[in-house]
Amino acid sequence: GKKLGCPSTANPQASAVTAMYTGG
């Protein structure tokens, strides 16, 4: 059950980060 590879970038702040960036 171990997850391999880089940690996922999915996190609770992902949508906030995207919104901040698209907002300029």
PDBML (XML) file of the C-alpha atoms, coordinates in Angstrom:
<?xml version="1.0" encoding="UTF-8" ?>
<PDBx:datablock datablockName="MODEL"
   xmlns:PDBx="http://pdbml.pdb.org/schema/pdbx-v50.xsd"
   xmlns:xsi="http://www.w3.org/2001/XMLSchema-instance"
   xsi:schemaLocation="http://pdbml.pdb.org/schema/pdbx-v50.xsd pdbx-v50.xsd">
   <PDBx:atom_siteCategory>
      <PDBx:atom_site id="1">
         <PDBx:B_iso_or_equiv>0.00</PDBx:B_iso_or_equiv>
         <PDBx:Cartn_x>0.000</PDBx:Cartn_x>
         <PDBx:Cartn_y>0.000</PDBx:Cartn_y>
         <PDBx:Cartn_z>0.000</PDBx:Cartn_z>
         <PDBx:auth_asym_id>A</PDBx:auth_asym_id>
         <PDBx:auth_atom_id>CA</PDBx:auth_atom_id>
         <PDBx:auth_comp_id>GLY</PDBx:auth_comp_id>
         <PDBx:auth_seq_id>1</PDBx:auth_seq_id>
         <PDBx:group_PDB>ATOM</PDBx:group_PDB>
         <PDBx:label_alt_id xsi:nil="true" />
         <PDBx:label_asym_id>A</PDBx:label_asym_id>
         <PDBx:label_atom_id>CA</PDBx:label_atom_id>
         <PDBx:label_comp_id>GLY</PDBx:label_comp_id>
         <PDBx:label_entity_id>1</PDBx:label_entity_id>
         <PDBx:label_seq_id>1</PDBx:label_seq_id>
         <PDBx:occupancy>1.00</PDBx:occupancy>
         <PDBx:pdbx_PDB_model_num>1</PDBx:pdbx_PDB_model_num>
         <PDBx:type_symbol>C</PDBx:type_symbol>
      </PDBx:atom_site>
      <PDBx:atom_site id="2">
         <PDBx:B_iso_or_equiv>0.00</PDBx:B_iso_or_equiv>
         <PDBx:Cartn_x>2.915</PDBx:Cartn_x>
         <PDBx:Cartn_y>2.416</PDBx:Cartn_y>
         <PDBx:Cartn_z>-0.234</PDBx:Cartn_z>
         <PDBx:auth_asym_id>A</PDBx:auth_asym_id>
         <PDBx:auth_atom_id>CA</PDBx:auth_atom_id>
         <PDBx:auth_comp_id>LYS</PDBx:auth_comp_id>
         <PDBx:auth_seq_id>2</PDBx:auth_seq_id>
         <PDBx:group_PDB>ATOM</PDBx:group_PDB>
         <PDBx:label_alt_id xsi:nil="true" />
         <PDBx:label_asym_id>A</PDBx:label_asym_id>
         <PDBx:label_atom_id>CA</PDBx:label_atom_id>
         <PDBx:label_comp_id>LYS</PDBx:label_comp_id>
         <PDBx:label_entity_id>1</PDBx:label_entity_id>
         <PDBx:label_seq_id>2</PDBx:label_seq_id>
         <PDBx:occupancy>1.00</PDBx:occupancy>
         <PDBx:pdbx_PDB_model_num>1</PDBx:pdbx_PDB_model_num>
         <PDBx:type_symbol>C</PDBx:type_symbol>
      </PDBx:atom_site>
      <PDBx:atom_site id="3">
         <PDBx:B_iso_or_equiv>0.00</PDBx:B_iso_or_equiv>
         <PDBx:Cartn_x>2.534</PDBx:Cartn_x>
         <PDBx:Cartn_y>5.182</PDBx:Cartn_y>
         <PDBx:Cartn_z>-2.773</PDBx:Cartn_z>
         <PDBx:auth_asym_id>A</PDBx:auth_asym_id>
         <PDBx:auth_atom_id>CA</PDBx:auth_atom_id>
         <PDBx:auth_comp_id>LYS</PDBx:auth_comp_id>
         <PDBx:auth_seq_id>3</PDBx:auth_seq_id>
         <PDBx:group_PDB>ATOM</PDBx:group_PDB>
         <PDBx:label_alt_id xsi:nil="true" />
         <PDBx:label_asym_id>A</PDBx:label_asym_id>
         <PDBx:label_atom_id>CA</PDBx:label_atom_id>
         <PDBx:label_comp_id>LYS</PDBx:label_comp_id>
         <PDBx:label_entity_id>1</PDBx:label_entity_id>
         <PDBx:label_seq_id>3</PDBx:label_seq_id>
         <PDBx:occupancy>1.00</PDBx:occupancy>
         <PDBx:pdbx_PDB_model_num>1</PDBx:pdbx_PDB_model_num>
         <PDBx:type_symbol>C</PDBx:type_symbol>
      </PDBx:atom_site>
      <PDBx:atom_site id="4">
         <PDBx:B_iso_or_equiv>0.00</PDBx:B_iso_or_equiv>
         <PDBx:Cartn_x>5.575</PDBx:Cartn_x>
         <PDBx:Cartn_y>5.494</PDBx:Cartn_y>
         <PDBx:Cartn_z>-5.015</PDBx:Cartn_z>
         <PDBx:auth_asym_id>A</PDBx:auth_asym_id>
         <PDBx:auth_atom_id>CA</PDBx:auth_atom_id>
         <PDBx:auth_comp_id>LEU</PDBx:auth_comp_id>
         <PDBx:auth_seq_id>4</PDBx:auth_seq_id>
         <PDBx:group_PDB>ATOM</PDBx:group_PDB>
         <PDBx:label_alt_id xsi:nil="true" />
         <PDBx:label_asym_id>A</PDBx:label_asym_id>
         <PDBx:label_atom_id>CA</PDBx:label_atom_id>
         <PDBx:label_comp_id>LEU</PDBx:label_comp_id>
         <PDBx:label_entity_id>1</PDBx:label_entity_id>
         <PDBx:label_seq_id>4</PDBx:label_seq_id>
         <PDBx:occupancy>1.00</PDBx:occupancy>
         <PDBx:pdbx_PDB_model_num>1</PDBx:pdbx_PDB_model_num>
         <PDBx:type_symbol>C</PDBx:type_symbol>
      </PDBx:atom_site>
      <PDBx:atom_site id="5">
         <PDBx:B_iso_or_equiv>0.00</PDBx:B_iso_or_equiv>
         <PDBx:Cartn_x>6.868</PDBx:Cartn_x>
         <PDBx:Cartn_y>8.514</PDBx:Cartn_y>
         <PDBx:Cartn_z>-6.886</PDBx:Cartn_z>
         <PDBx:auth_asym_id>A</PDBx:auth_asym_id>
         <PDBx:auth_atom_id>CA</PDBx:auth_atom_id>
         <PDBx:auth_comp_id>GLY</PDBx:auth_comp_id>
         <PDBx:auth_seq_id>5</PDBx:auth_seq_id>
         <PDBx:group_PDB>ATOM</PDBx:group_PDB>
         <PDBx:label_alt_id xsi:nil="true" />
         <PDBx:label_asym_id>A</PDBx:label_asym_id>
         <PDBx:label_atom_id>CA</PDBx:label_atom_id>
         <PDBx:label_comp_id>GLY</PDBx:label_comp_id>
         <PDBx:label_entity_id>1</PDBx:label_entity_id>
         <PDBx:label_seq_id>5</PDBx:label_seq_id>
         <PDBx:occupancy>1.00</PDBx:occupancy>
         <PDBx:pdbx_PDB_model_num>1</PDBx:pdbx_PDB_model_num>
         <PDBx:type_symbol>C</PDBx:type_symbol>
      </PDBx:atom_site>
      <PDBx:atom_site id="6">
         <PDBx:B_iso_or_equiv>0.00</PDBx:B_iso_or_equiv>
         <PDBx:Cartn_x>6.712</PDBx:Cartn_x>
         <PDBx:Cartn_y>12.208</PDBx:Cartn_y>
         <PDBx:Cartn_z>-6.167</PDBx:Cartn_z>
         <PDBx:auth_asym_id>A</PDBx:auth_asym_id>
         <PDBx:auth_atom_id>CA</PDBx:auth_atom_id>
         <PDBx:auth_comp_id>CYS</PDBx:auth_comp_id>
         <PDBx:auth_seq_id>6</PDBx:auth_seq_id>
         <PDBx:group_PDB>ATOM</PDBx:group_PDB>
         <PDBx:label_alt_id xsi:nil="true" />
         <PDBx:label_asym_id>A</PDBx:label_asym_id>
         <PDBx:label_atom_id>CA</PDBx:label_atom_id>
         <PDBx:label_comp_id>CYS</PDBx:label_comp_id>
         <PDBx:label_entity_id>1</PDBx:label_entity_id>
         <PDBx:label_seq_id>6</PDBx:label_seq_id>
         <PDBx:occupancy>1.00</PDBx:occupancy>
         <PDBx:pdbx_PDB_model_num>1</PDBx:pdbx_PDB_model_num>
         <PDBx:type_symbol>C</PDBx:type_symbol>
      </PDBx:atom_site>
      <PDBx:atom_site id="7">
         <PDBx:B_iso_or_equiv>0.00</PDBx:B_iso_or_equiv>
         <PDBx:Cartn_x>4.116</PDBx:Cartn_x>
         <PDBx:Cartn_y>13.362</PDBx:Cartn_y>
         <PDBx:Cartn_z>-3.666</PDBx:Cartn_z>
         <PDBx:auth_asym_id>A</PDBx:auth_asym_id>
         <PDBx:auth_atom_id>CA</PDBx:auth_atom_id>
         <PDBx:auth_comp_id>PRO</PDBx:auth_comp_id>
         <PDBx:auth_seq_id>7</PDBx:auth_seq_id>
         <PDBx:group_PDB>ATOM</PDBx:group_PDB>
         <PDBx:label_alt_id xsi:nil="true" />
         <PDBx:label_asym_id>A</PDBx:label_asym_id>
         <PDBx:label_atom_id>CA</PDBx:label_atom_id>
         <PDBx:label_comp_id>PRO</PDBx:label_comp_id>
         <PDBx:label_entity_id>1</PDBx:label_entity_id>
         <PDBx:label_seq_id>7</PDBx:label_seq_id>
         <PDBx:occupancy>1.00</PDBx:occupancy>
         <PDBx:pdbx_PDB_model_num>1</PDBx:pdbx_PDB_model_num>
         <PDBx:type_symbol>C</PDBx:type_symbol>
      </PDBx:atom_site>
      <PDBx:atom_site id="8">
         <PDBx:B_iso_or_equiv>0.00</PDBx:B_iso_or_equiv>
         <PDBx:Cartn_x>0.912</PDBx:Cartn_x>
         <PDBx:Cartn_y>14.502</PDBx:Cartn_y>
         <PDBx:Cartn_z>-5.269</PDBx:Cartn_z>
         <PDBx:auth_asym_id>A</PDBx:auth_asym_id>
         <PDBx:auth_atom_id>CA</PDBx:auth_atom_id>
         <PDBx:auth_comp_id>SER</PDBx:auth_comp_id>
         <PDBx:auth_seq_id>8</PDBx:auth_seq_id>
         <PDBx:group_PDB>ATOM</PDBx:group_PDB>
         <PDBx:label_alt_id xsi:nil="true" />
         <PDBx:label_asym_id>A</PDBx:label_asym_id>
         <PDBx:label_atom_id>CA</PDBx:label_atom_id>
         <PDBx:label_comp_id>SER</PDBx:label_comp_id>
         <PDBx:label_entity_id>1</PDBx:label_entity_id>
         <PDBx:label_seq_id>8</PDBx:label_seq_id>
         <PDBx:occupancy>1.00</PDBx:occupancy>
         <PDBx:pdbx_PDB_model_num>1</PDBx:pdbx_PDB_model_num>
         <PDBx:type_symbol>C</PDBx:type_symbol>
      </PDBx:atom_site>
      <PDBx:atom_site id="9">
         <PDBx:B_iso_or_equiv>0.00</PDBx:B_iso_or_equiv>
         <PDBx:Cartn_x>0.482</PDBx:Cartn_x>
         <PDBx:Cartn_y>18.219</PDBx:Cartn_y>
         <PDBx:Cartn_z>-5.767</PDBx:Cartn_z>
         <PDBx:auth_asym_id>A</PDBx:auth_asym_id>
         <PDBx:auth_atom_id>CA</PDBx:auth_atom_id>
         <PDBx:auth_comp_id>THR</PDBx:auth_comp_id>
         <PDBx:auth_seq_id>9</PDBx:auth_seq_id>
         <PDBx:group_PDB>ATOM</PDBx:group_PDB>
         <PDBx:label_alt_id xsi:nil="true" />
         <PDBx:label_asym_id>A</PDBx:label_asym_id>
         <PDBx:label_atom_id>CA</PDBx:label_atom_id>
         <PDBx:label_comp_id>THR</PDBx:label_comp_id>
         <PDBx:label_entity_id>1</PDBx:label_entity_id>
         <PDBx:label_seq_id>9</PDBx:label_seq_id>
         <PDBx:occupancy>1.00</PDBx:occupancy>
         <PDBx:pdbx_PDB_model_num>1</PDBx:pdbx_PDB_model_num>
         <PDBx:type_symbol>C</PDBx:type_symbol>
      </PDBx:atom_site>
      <PDBx:atom_site id="10">
         <PDBx:B_iso_or_equiv>0.00</PDBx:B_iso_or_equiv>
         <PDBx:Cartn_x>-3.197</PDBx:Cartn_x>
         <PDBx:Cartn_y>17.811</PDBx:Cartn_y>
         <PDBx:Cartn_z>-4.989</PDBx:Cartn_z>
         <PDBx:auth_asym_id>A</PDBx:auth_asym_id>
         <PDBx:auth_atom_id>CA</PDBx:auth_atom_id>
         <PDBx:auth_comp_id>ALA</PDBx:auth_comp_id>
         <PDBx:auth_seq_id>10</PDBx:auth_seq_id>
         <PDBx:group_PDB>ATOM</PDBx:group_PDB>
         <PDBx:label_alt_id xsi:nil="true" />
         <PDBx:label_asym_id>A</PDBx:label_asym_id>
         <PDBx:label_atom_id>CA</PDBx:label_atom_id>
         <PDBx:label_comp_id>ALA</PDBx:label_comp_id>
         <PDBx:label_entity_id>1</PDBx:label_entity_id>
         <PDBx:label_seq_id>10</PDBx:label_seq_id>
         <PDBx:occupancy>1.00</PDBx:occupancy>
         <PDBx:pdbx_PDB_model_num>1</PDBx:pdbx_PDB_model_num>
         <PDBx:type_symbol>C</PDBx:type_symbol>
      </PDBx:atom_site>
      <PDBx:atom_site id="11">
         <PDBx:B_iso_or_equiv>0.00</PDBx:B_iso_or_equiv>
         <PDBx:Cartn_x>-3.773</PDBx:Cartn_x>
         <PDBx:Cartn_y>19.569</PDBx:Cartn_y>
         <PDBx:Cartn_z>-1.701</PDBx:Cartn_z>
         <PDBx:auth_asym_id>A</PDBx:auth_asym_id>
         <PDBx:auth_atom_id>CA</PDBx:auth_atom_id>
         <PDBx:auth_comp_id>ASN</PDBx:auth_comp_id>
         <PDBx:auth_seq_id>11</PDBx:auth_seq_id>
         <PDBx:group_PDB>ATOM</PDBx:group_PDB>
         <PDBx:label_alt_id xsi:nil="true" />
         <PDBx:label_asym_id>A</PDBx:label_asym_id>
         <PDBx:label_atom_id>CA</PDBx:label_atom_id>
         <PDBx:label_comp_id>ASN</PDBx:label_comp_id>
         <PDBx:label_entity_id>1</PDBx:label_entity_id>
         <PDBx:label_seq_id>11</PDBx:label_seq_id>
         <PDBx:occupancy>1.00</PDBx:occupancy>
         <PDBx:pdbx_PDB_model_num>1</PDBx:pdbx_PDB_model_num>
         <PDBx:type_symbol>C</PDBx:type_symbol>
      </PDBx:atom_site>
      <PDBx:atom_site id="12">
         <PDBx:B_iso_or_equiv>0.00</PDBx:B_iso_or_equiv>
         <PDBx:Cartn_x>-6.520</PDBx:Cartn_x>
         <PDBx:Cartn_y>21.678</PDBx:Cartn_y>
         <PDBx:Cartn_z>-0.185</PDBx:Cartn_z>
         <PDBx:auth_asym_id>A</PDBx:auth_asym_id>
         <PDBx:auth_atom_id>CA</PDBx:auth_atom_id>
         <PDBx:auth_comp_id>PRO</PDBx:auth_comp_id>
         <PDBx:auth_seq_id>12</PDBx:auth_seq_id>
         <PDBx:group_PDB>ATOM</PDBx:group_PDB>
         <PDBx:label_alt_id xsi:nil="true" />
         <PDBx:label_asym_id>A</PDBx:label_asym_id>
         <PDBx:label_atom_id>CA</PDBx:label_atom_id>
         <PDBx:label_comp_id>PRO</PDBx:label_comp_id>
         <PDBx:label_entity_id>1</PDBx:label_entity_id>
         <PDBx:label_seq_id>12</PDBx:label_seq_id>
         <PDBx:occupancy>1.00</PDBx:occupancy>
         <PDBx:pdbx_PDB_model_num>1</PDBx:pdbx_PDB_model_num>
         <PDBx:type_symbol>C</PDBx:type_symbol>
      </PDBx:atom_site>
      <PDBx:atom_site id="13">
         <PDBx:B_iso_or_equiv>0.00</PDBx:B_iso_or_equiv>
         <PDBx:Cartn_x>-4.769</PDBx:Cartn_x>
         <PDBx:Cartn_y>24.856</PDBx:Cartn_y>
         <PDBx:Cartn_z>-1.308</PDBx:Cartn_z>
         <PDBx:auth_asym_id>A</PDBx:auth_asym_id>
         <PDBx:auth_atom_id>CA</PDBx:auth_atom_id>
         <PDBx:auth_comp_id>GLN</PDBx:auth_comp_id>
         <PDBx:auth_seq_id>13</PDBx:auth_seq_id>
         <PDBx:group_PDB>ATOM</PDBx:group_PDB>
         <PDBx:label_alt_id xsi:nil="true" />
         <PDBx:label_asym_id>A</PDBx:label_asym_id>
         <PDBx:label_atom_id>CA</PDBx:label_atom_id>
         <PDBx:label_comp_id>GLN</PDBx:label_comp_id>
         <PDBx:label_entity_id>1</PDBx:label_entity_id>
         <PDBx:label_seq_id>13</PDBx:label_seq_id>
         <PDBx:occupancy>1.00</PDBx:occupancy>
         <PDBx:pdbx_PDB_model_num>1</PDBx:pdbx_PDB_model_num>
         <PDBx:type_symbol>C</PDBx:type_symbol>
      </PDBx:atom_site>
      <PDBx:atom_site id="14">
         <PDBx:B_iso_or_equiv>0.00</PDBx:B_iso_or_equiv>
         <PDBx:Cartn_x>-4.443</PDBx:Cartn_x>
         <PDBx:Cartn_y>23.843</PDBx:Cartn_y>
         <PDBx:Cartn_z>-4.982</PDBx:Cartn_z>
         <PDBx:auth_asym_id>A</PDBx:auth_asym_id>
         <PDBx:auth_atom_id>CA</PDBx:auth_atom_id>
         <PDBx:auth_comp_id>ALA</PDBx:auth_comp_id>
         <PDBx:auth_seq_id>14</PDBx:auth_seq_id>
         <PDBx:group_PDB>ATOM</PDBx:group_PDB>
         <PDBx:label_alt_id xsi:nil="true" />
         <PDBx:label_asym_id>A</PDBx:label_asym_id>
         <PDBx:label_atom_id>CA</PDBx:label_atom_id>
         <PDBx:label_comp_id>ALA</PDBx:label_comp_id>
         <PDBx:label_entity_id>1</PDBx:label_entity_id>
         <PDBx:label_seq_id>14</PDBx:label_seq_id>
         <PDBx:occupancy>1.00</PDBx:occupancy>
         <PDBx:pdbx_PDB_model_num>1</PDBx:pdbx_PDB_model_num>
         <PDBx:type_symbol>C</PDBx:type_symbol>
      </PDBx:atom_site>
      <PDBx:atom_site id="15">
         <PDBx:B_iso_or_equiv>0.00</PDBx:B_iso_or_equiv>
         <PDBx:Cartn_x>-7.604</PDBx:Cartn_x>
         <PDBx:Cartn_y>25.606</PDBx:Cartn_y>
         <PDBx:Cartn_z>-6.122</PDBx:Cartn_z>
         <PDBx:auth_asym_id>A</PDBx:auth_asym_id>
         <PDBx:auth_atom_id>CA</PDBx:auth_atom_id>
         <PDBx:auth_comp_id>SER</PDBx:auth_comp_id>
         <PDBx:auth_seq_id>15</PDBx:auth_seq_id>
         <PDBx:group_PDB>ATOM</PDBx:group_PDB>
         <PDBx:label_alt_id xsi:nil="true" />
         <PDBx:label_asym_id>A</PDBx:label_asym_id>
         <PDBx:label_atom_id>CA</PDBx:label_atom_id>
         <PDBx:label_comp_id>SER</PDBx:label_comp_id>
         <PDBx:label_entity_id>1</PDBx:label_entity_id>
         <PDBx:label_seq_id>15</PDBx:label_seq_id>
         <PDBx:occupancy>1.00</PDBx:occupancy>
         <PDBx:pdbx_PDB_model_num>1</PDBx:pdbx_PDB_model_num>
         <PDBx:type_symbol>C</PDBx:type_symbol>
      </PDBx:atom_site>
      <PDBx:atom_site id="16">
         <PDBx:B_iso_or_equiv>0.00</PDBx:B_iso_or_equiv>
         <PDBx:Cartn_x>-6.680</PDBx:Cartn_x>
         <PDBx:Cartn_y>28.680</PDBx:Cartn_y>
         <PDBx:Cartn_z>-4.062</PDBx:Cartn_z>
         <PDBx:auth_asym_id>A</PDBx:auth_asym_id>
         <PDBx:auth_atom_id>CA</PDBx:auth_atom_id>
         <PDBx:auth_comp_id>ALA</PDBx:auth_comp_id>
         <PDBx:auth_seq_id>16</PDBx:auth_seq_id>
         <PDBx:group_PDB>ATOM</PDBx:group_PDB>
         <PDBx:label_alt_id xsi:nil="true" />
         <PDBx:label_asym_id>A</PDBx:label_asym_id>
         <PDBx:label_atom_id>CA</PDBx:label_atom_id>
         <PDBx:label_comp_id>ALA</PDBx:label_comp_id>
         <PDBx:label_entity_id>1</PDBx:label_entity_id>
         <PDBx:label_seq_id>16</PDBx:label_seq_id>
         <PDBx:occupancy>1.00</PDBx:occupancy>
         <PDBx:pdbx_PDB_model_num>1</PDBx:pdbx_PDB_model_num>
         <PDBx:type_symbol>C</PDBx:type_symbol>
      </PDBx:atom_site>
      <PDBx:atom_site id="17">
         <PDBx:B_iso_or_equiv>0.00</PDBx:B_iso_or_equiv>
         <PDBx:Cartn_x>-3.213</PDBx:Cartn_x>
         <PDBx:Cartn_y>28.780</PDBx:Cartn_y>
         <PDBx:Cartn_z>-5.640</PDBx:Cartn_z>
         <PDBx:auth_asym_id>A</PDBx:auth_asym_id>
         <PDBx:auth_atom_id>CA</PDBx:auth_atom_id>
         <PDBx:auth_comp_id>VAL</PDBx:auth_comp_id>
         <PDBx:auth_seq_id>17</PDBx:auth_seq_id>
         <PDBx:group_PDB>ATOM</PDBx:group_PDB>
         <PDBx:label_alt_id xsi:nil="true" />
         <PDBx:label_asym_id>A</PDBx:label_asym_id>
         <PDBx:label_atom_id>CA</PDBx:label_atom_id>
         <PDBx:label_comp_id>VAL</PDBx:label_comp_id>
         <PDBx:label_entity_id>1</PDBx:label_entity_id>
         <PDBx:label_seq_id>17</PDBx:label_seq_id>
         <PDBx:occupancy>1.00</PDBx:occupancy>
         <PDBx:pdbx_PDB_model_num>1</PDBx:pdbx_PDB_model_num>
         <PDBx:type_symbol>C</PDBx:type_symbol>
      </PDBx:atom_site>
      <PDBx:atom_site id="18">
         <PDBx:B_iso_or_equiv>0.00</PDBx:B_iso_or_equiv>
         <PDBx:Cartn_x>-4.697</PDBx:Cartn_x>
         <PDBx:Cartn_y>28.492</PDBx:Cartn_y>
         <PDBx:Cartn_z>-9.125</PDBx:Cartn_z>
         <PDBx:auth_asym_id>A</PDBx:auth_asym_id>
         <PDBx:auth_atom_id>CA</PDBx:auth_atom_id>
         <PDBx:auth_comp_id>THR</PDBx:auth_comp_id>
         <PDBx:auth_seq_id>18</PDBx:auth_seq_id>
         <PDBx:group_PDB>ATOM</PDBx:group_PDB>
         <PDBx:label_alt_id xsi:nil="true" />
         <PDBx:label_asym_id>A</PDBx:label_asym_id>
         <PDBx:label_atom_id>CA</PDBx:label_atom_id>
         <PDBx:label_comp_id>THR</PDBx:label_comp_id>
         <PDBx:label_entity_id>1</PDBx:label_entity_id>
         <PDBx:label_seq_id>18</PDBx:label_seq_id>
         <PDBx:occupancy>1.00</PDBx:occupancy>
         <PDBx:pdbx_PDB_model_num>1</PDBx:pdbx_PDB_model_num>
         <PDBx:type_symbol>C</PDBx:type_symbol>
      </PDBx:atom_site>
      <PDBx:atom_site id="19">
         <PDBx:B_iso_or_equiv>0.00</PDBx:B_iso_or_equiv>
         <PDBx:Cartn_x>-7.223</PDBx:Cartn_x>
         <PDBx:Cartn_y>31.241</PDBx:Cartn_y>
         <PDBx:Cartn_z>-8.385</PDBx:Cartn_z>
         <PDBx:auth_asym_id>A</PDBx:auth_asym_id>
         <PDBx:auth_atom_id>CA</PDBx:auth_atom_id>
         <PDBx:auth_comp_id>ALA</PDBx:auth_comp_id>
         <PDBx:auth_seq_id>19</PDBx:auth_seq_id>
         <PDBx:group_PDB>ATOM</PDBx:group_PDB>
         <PDBx:label_alt_id xsi:nil="true" />
         <PDBx:label_asym_id>A</PDBx:label_asym_id>
         <PDBx:label_atom_id>CA</PDBx:label_atom_id>
         <PDBx:label_comp_id>ALA</PDBx:label_comp_id>
         <PDBx:label_entity_id>1</PDBx:label_entity_id>
         <PDBx:label_seq_id>19</PDBx:label_seq_id>
         <PDBx:occupancy>1.00</PDBx:occupancy>
         <PDBx:pdbx_PDB_model_num>1</PDBx:pdbx_PDB_model_num>
         <PDBx:type_symbol>C</PDBx:type_symbol>
      </PDBx:atom_site>
      <PDBx:atom_site id="20">
         <PDBx:B_iso_or_equiv>0.00</PDBx:B_iso_or_equiv>
         <PDBx:Cartn_x>-4.537</PDBx:Cartn_x>
         <PDBx:Cartn_y>33.550</PDBx:Cartn_y>
         <PDBx:Cartn_z>-6.971</PDBx:Cartn_z>
         <PDBx:auth_asym_id>A</PDBx:auth_asym_id>
         <PDBx:auth_atom_id>CA</PDBx:auth_atom_id>
         <PDBx:auth_comp_id>MET</PDBx:auth_comp_id>
         <PDBx:auth_seq_id>20</PDBx:auth_seq_id>
         <PDBx:group_PDB>ATOM</PDBx:group_PDB>
         <PDBx:label_alt_id xsi:nil="true" />
         <PDBx:label_asym_id>A</PDBx:label_asym_id>
         <PDBx:label_atom_id>CA</PDBx:label_atom_id>
         <PDBx:label_comp_id>MET</PDBx:label_comp_id>
         <PDBx:label_entity_id>1</PDBx:label_entity_id>
         <PDBx:label_seq_id>20</PDBx:label_seq_id>
         <PDBx:occupancy>1.00</PDBx:occupancy>
         <PDBx:pdbx_PDB_model_num>1</PDBx:pdbx_PDB_model_num>
         <PDBx:type_symbol>C</PDBx:type_symbol>
      </PDBx:atom_site>
      <PDBx:atom_site id="21">
         <PDBx:B_iso_or_equiv>0.00</PDBx:B_iso_or_equiv>
         <PDBx:Cartn_x>-2.326</PDBx:Cartn_x>
         <PDBx:Cartn_y>33.053</PDBx:Cartn_y>
         <PDBx:Cartn_z>-10.011</PDBx:Cartn_z>
         <PDBx:auth_asym_id>A</PDBx:auth_asym_id>
         <PDBx:auth_atom_id>CA</PDBx:auth_atom_id>
         <PDBx:auth_comp_id>TYR</PDBx:auth_comp_id>
         <PDBx:auth_seq_id>21</PDBx:auth_seq_id>
         <PDBx:group_PDB>ATOM</PDBx:group_PDB>
         <PDBx:label_alt_id xsi:nil="true" />
         <PDBx:label_asym_id>A</PDBx:label_asym_id>
         <PDBx:label_atom_id>CA</PDBx:label_atom_id>
         <PDBx:label_comp_id>TYR</PDBx:label_comp_id>
         <PDBx:label_entity_id>1</PDBx:label_entity_id>
         <PDBx:label_seq_id>21</PDBx:label_seq_id>
         <PDBx:occupancy>1.00</PDBx:occupancy>
         <PDBx:pdbx_PDB_model_num>1</PDBx:pdbx_PDB_model_num>
         <PDBx:type_symbol>C</PDBx:type_symbol>
      </PDBx:atom_site>
      <PDBx:atom_site id="22">
         <PDBx:B_iso_or_equiv>0.00</PDBx:B_iso_or_equiv>
         <PDBx:Cartn_x>-5.081</PDBx:Cartn_x>
         <PDBx:Cartn_y>33.506</PDBx:Cartn_y>
         <PDBx:Cartn_z>-12.571</PDBx:Cartn_z>
         <PDBx:auth_asym_id>A</PDBx:auth_asym_id>
         <PDBx:auth_atom_id>CA</PDBx:auth_atom_id>
         <PDBx:auth_comp_id>THR</PDBx:auth_comp_id>
         <PDBx:auth_seq_id>22</PDBx:auth_seq_id>
         <PDBx:group_PDB>ATOM</PDBx:group_PDB>
         <PDBx:label_alt_id xsi:nil="true" />
         <PDBx:label_asym_id>A</PDBx:label_asym_id>
         <PDBx:label_atom_id>CA</PDBx:label_atom_id>
         <PDBx:label_comp_id>THR</PDBx:label_comp_id>
         <PDBx:label_entity_id>1</PDBx:label_entity_id>
         <PDBx:label_seq_id>22</PDBx:label_seq_id>
         <PDBx:occupancy>1.00</PDBx:occupancy>
         <PDBx:pdbx_PDB_model_num>1</PDBx:pdbx_PDB_model_num>
         <PDBx:type_symbol>C</PDBx:type_symbol>
      </PDBx:atom_site>
      <PDBx:atom_site id="23">
         <PDBx:B_iso_or_equiv>0.00</PDBx:B_iso_or_equiv>
         <PDBx:Cartn_x>-6.146</PDBx:Cartn_x>
         <PDBx:Cartn_y>36.585</PDBx:Cartn_y>
         <PDBx:Cartn_z>-10.619</PDBx:Cartn_z>
         <PDBx:auth_asym_id>A</PDBx:auth_asym_id>
         <PDBx:auth_atom_id>CA</PDBx:auth_atom_id>
         <PDBx:auth_comp_id>GLY</PDBx:auth_comp_id>
         <PDBx:auth_seq_id>23</PDBx:auth_seq_id>
         <PDBx:group_PDB>ATOM</PDBx:group_PDB>
         <PDBx:label_alt_id xsi:nil="true" />
         <PDBx:label_asym_id>A</PDBx:label_asym_id>
         <PDBx:label_atom_id>CA</PDBx:label_atom_id>
         <PDBx:label_comp_id>GLY</PDBx:label_comp_id>
         <PDBx:label_entity_id>1</PDBx:label_entity_id>
         <PDBx:label_seq_id>23</PDBx:label_seq_id>
         <PDBx:occupancy>1.00</PDBx:occupancy>
         <PDBx:pdbx_PDB_model_num>1</PDBx:pdbx_PDB_model_num>
         <PDBx:type_symbol>C</PDBx:type_symbol>
      </PDBx:atom_site>
      <PDBx:atom_site id="24">
         <PDBx:B_iso_or_equiv>0.00</PDBx:B_iso_or_equiv>
         <PDBx:Cartn_x>-2.741</PDBx:Cartn_x>
         <PDBx:Cartn_y>38.131</PDBx:Cartn_y>
         <PDBx:Cartn_z>-11.374</PDBx:Cartn_z>
         <PDBx:auth_asym_id>A</PDBx:auth_asym_id>
         <PDBx:auth_atom_id>CA</PDBx:auth_atom_id>
         <PDBx:auth_comp_id>GLY</PDBx:auth_comp_id>
         <PDBx:auth_seq_id>24</PDBx:auth_seq_id>
         <PDBx:group_PDB>ATOM</PDBx:group_PDB>
         <PDBx:label_alt_id xsi:nil="true" />
         <PDBx:label_asym_id>A</PDBx:label_asym_id>
         <PDBx:label_atom_id>CA</PDBx:label_atom_id>
         <PDBx:label_comp_id>GLY</PDBx:label_comp_id>
         <PDBx:label_entity_id>1</PDBx:label_entity_id>
         <PDBx:label_seq_id>24</PDBx:label_seq_id>
         <PDBx:occupancy>1.00</PDBx:occupancy>
         <PDBx:pdbx_PDB_model_num>1</PDBx:pdbx_PDB_model_num>
         <PDBx:type_symbol>C</PDBx:type_symbol>
      </PDBx:atom_site>
   </PDBx:atom_siteCategory>
</PDBx:datablock>
